[in-house]
Amino acid sequence: MEYKYDPESNILSIAISNKQFDYAEEMGDFIVHFDKKKKTVYIEILNANTFIKKAVIALPKKTQKSIAGSLLT
């Protein structure tokens, strides 16, 4: 699995598989790419900074502190 963040476009891209994707569906701030067997192979998260902030806030406080600590080291 590979991750890439483009700060200029604020998009987080996640390659789940290196298979060729056949089609994509937009689901709110997500664009999910599927192969011919309808398996997810690639995800784009639009407005990634907002998504990440909301995701971290939803985590338990202990986990939030652990993430913050690892980002600062």
C-alpha atoms as a PDB file:
ATOM      1  CA  MET A   1       0.000   0.000   0.000  1.00  0.00           C
ATOM      2  CA  GLU A   2       1.362   3.402  -0.952  1.00  0.00           C
ATOM      3  CA  TYR A   3       0.305   6.856   0.229  1.00  0.00           C
ATOM      4  CA  LYS A   4       0.925  10.219  -1.376  1.00  0.00           C
ATOM      5  CA  TYR A   5      -0.230  13.659  -0.261  1.00  0.00           C
ATOM      6  CA  ASP A   6      -0.269  16.652  -2.582  1.00  0.00           C
ATOM      7  CA  PRO A   7      -0.500  19.804  -0.442  1.00  0.00           C
ATOM      8  CA  GLU A   8      -1.216  22.034  -3.437  1.00  0.00           C
ATOM      9  CA  SER A   9      -4.401  20.146  -4.358  1.00  0.00           C
ATOM     10  CA  ASN A  10      -4.993  18.887  -0.781  1.00  0.00           C
ATOM     11  CA  ILE A  11      -5.531  15.324  -2.026  1.00  0.00           C
ATOM     12  CA  LEU A  12      -4.403  12.182  -0.224  1.00  0.00           C
ATOM     13  CA  SER A  13      -3.974   9.277  -2.664  1.00  0.00           C
ATOM     14  CA  ILE A  14      -3.873   5.691  -1.451  1.00  0.00           C
ATOM     15  CA  ALA A  15      -2.816   2.906  -3.809  1.00  0.00           C
ATOM     16  CA  ILE A  16      -4.178  -0.314  -2.360  1.00  0.00           C
ATOM     17  CA  SER A  17      -3.130  -2.492  -5.271  1.00  0.00           C
ATOM     18  CA  ASN A  18      -1.054  -2.071  -8.400  1.00  0.00           C
ATOM     19  CA  LYS A  19      -3.847  -3.572 -10.527  1.00  0.00           C
ATOM     20  CA  GLN A  20      -5.235  -1.501 -13.378  1.00  0.00           C
ATOM     21  CA  PHE A  21      -8.448   0.282 -12.432  1.00  0.00           C
ATOM     22  CA  ASP A  22     -11.475   0.006 -14.681  1.00  0.00           C
ATOM     23  CA  TYR A  23     -13.788   2.732 -13.351  1.00  0.00           C
ATOM     24  CA  ALA A  24     -14.202   5.186 -10.491  1.00  0.00           C
ATOM     25  CA  GLU A  25     -17.047   6.444  -8.343  1.00  0.00           C
ATOM     26  CA  GLU A  26     -17.163   9.733  -6.480  1.00  0.00           C
ATOM     27  CA  MET A  27     -18.550   9.391  -2.961  1.00  0.00           C
ATOM     28  CA  GLY A  28     -18.561  12.793  -1.318  1.00  0.00           C
ATOM     29  CA  ASP A  29     -14.936  13.751  -0.737  1.00  0.00           C
ATOM     30  CA  PHE A  30     -13.729  10.329  -1.891  1.00  0.00           C
ATOM     31  CA  ILE A  31     -13.015   9.034  -5.372  1.00  0.00           C
ATOM     32  CA  VAL A  32     -12.767   5.264  -5.271  1.00  0.00           C
ATOM     33  CA  HIS A  33     -11.243   3.397  -8.217  1.00  0.00           C
ATOM     34  CA  PHE A  34     -12.229  -0.213  -8.875  1.00  0.00           C
ATOM     35  CA  ASP A  35     -10.871  -3.013 -11.021  1.00  0.00           C
ATOM     36  CA  LYS A  36     -13.016  -5.129 -13.366  1.00  0.00           C
ATOM     37  CA  LYS A  37     -13.916  -7.423 -10.457  1.00  0.00           C
ATOM     38  CA  LYS A  38     -15.250  -4.424  -8.480  1.00  0.00           C
ATOM     39  CA  LYS A  39     -12.359  -4.562  -5.993  1.00  0.00           C
ATOM     40  CA  THR A  40     -11.039  -1.251  -4.666  1.00  0.00           C
ATOM     41  CA  VAL A  41      -7.550  -0.544  -6.012  1.00  0.00           C
ATOM     42  CA  TYR A  42      -7.066   3.209  -5.477  1.00  0.00           C
ATOM     43  CA  ILE A  43      -8.634   5.909  -3.292  1.00  0.00           C
ATOM     44  CA  GLU A  44      -8.365   9.676  -3.542  1.00  0.00           C
ATOM     45  CA  ILE A  45      -9.419  11.752  -0.536  1.00  0.00           C
ATOM     46  CA  LEU A  46     -10.335  15.301  -1.501  1.00  0.00           C
ATOM     47  CA  ASN A  47     -10.003  18.020   1.164  1.00  0.00           C
ATOM     48  CA  ALA A  48      -7.615  15.633   2.895  1.00  0.00           C
ATOM     49  CA  ASN A  49      -6.566  17.953   5.722  1.00  0.00           C
ATOM     50  CA  THR A  50     -10.198  18.297   6.908  1.00  0.00           C
ATOM     51  CA  PHE A  51     -10.727  14.537   6.688  1.00  0.00           C
ATOM     52  CA  ILE A  52      -7.567  13.775   8.670  1.00  0.00           C
ATOM     53  CA  LYS A  53      -8.438  16.299  11.405  1.00  0.00           C
ATOM     54  CA  LYS A  54     -11.920  14.787  11.783  1.00  0.00           C
ATOM     55  CA  ALA A  55     -10.519  11.249  11.775  1.00  0.00           C
ATOM     56  CA  VAL A  56      -7.956  12.034  14.485  1.00  0.00           C
ATOM     57  CA  ILE A  57     -10.553  13.783  16.672  1.00  0.00           C
ATOM     58  CA  ALA A  58     -12.722  10.653  16.484  1.00  0.00           C
ATOM     59  CA  LEU A  59      -9.917   8.540  17.977  1.00  0.00           C
ATOM     60  CA  PRO A  60      -9.465   7.982  21.715  1.00  0.00           C
ATOM     61  CA  LYS A  61      -7.399  10.702  23.432  1.00  0.00           C
ATOM     62  CA  LYS A  62      -4.535   8.283  24.144  1.00  0.00           C
ATOM     63  CA  THR A  63      -4.258   7.425  20.455  1.00  0.00           C
ATOM     64  CA  GLN A  64      -4.435  11.121  19.492  1.00  0.00           C
ATOM     65  CA  LYS A  65      -1.479  11.840  21.773  1.00  0.00           C
ATOM     66  CA  SER A  66       0.458   8.917  20.328  1.00  0.00           C
ATOM     67  CA  ILE A  67      -0.115  10.141  16.768  1.00  0.00           C
ATOM     68  CA  ALA A  68       0.851  13.705  17.698  1.00  0.00           C
ATOM     69  CA  GLY A  69       3.996  12.468  19.429  1.00  0.00           C
ATOM     70  CA  SER A  70       5.062  10.404  16.440  1.00  0.00           C
ATOM     71  CA  LEU A  71       4.524  13.349  14.097  1.00  0.00           C
ATOM     72  CA  LEU A  72       6.694  15.613  16.238  1.00  0.00           C
ATOM     73  CA  THR A  73       9.665  13.235  16.412  1.00  0.00           C
END
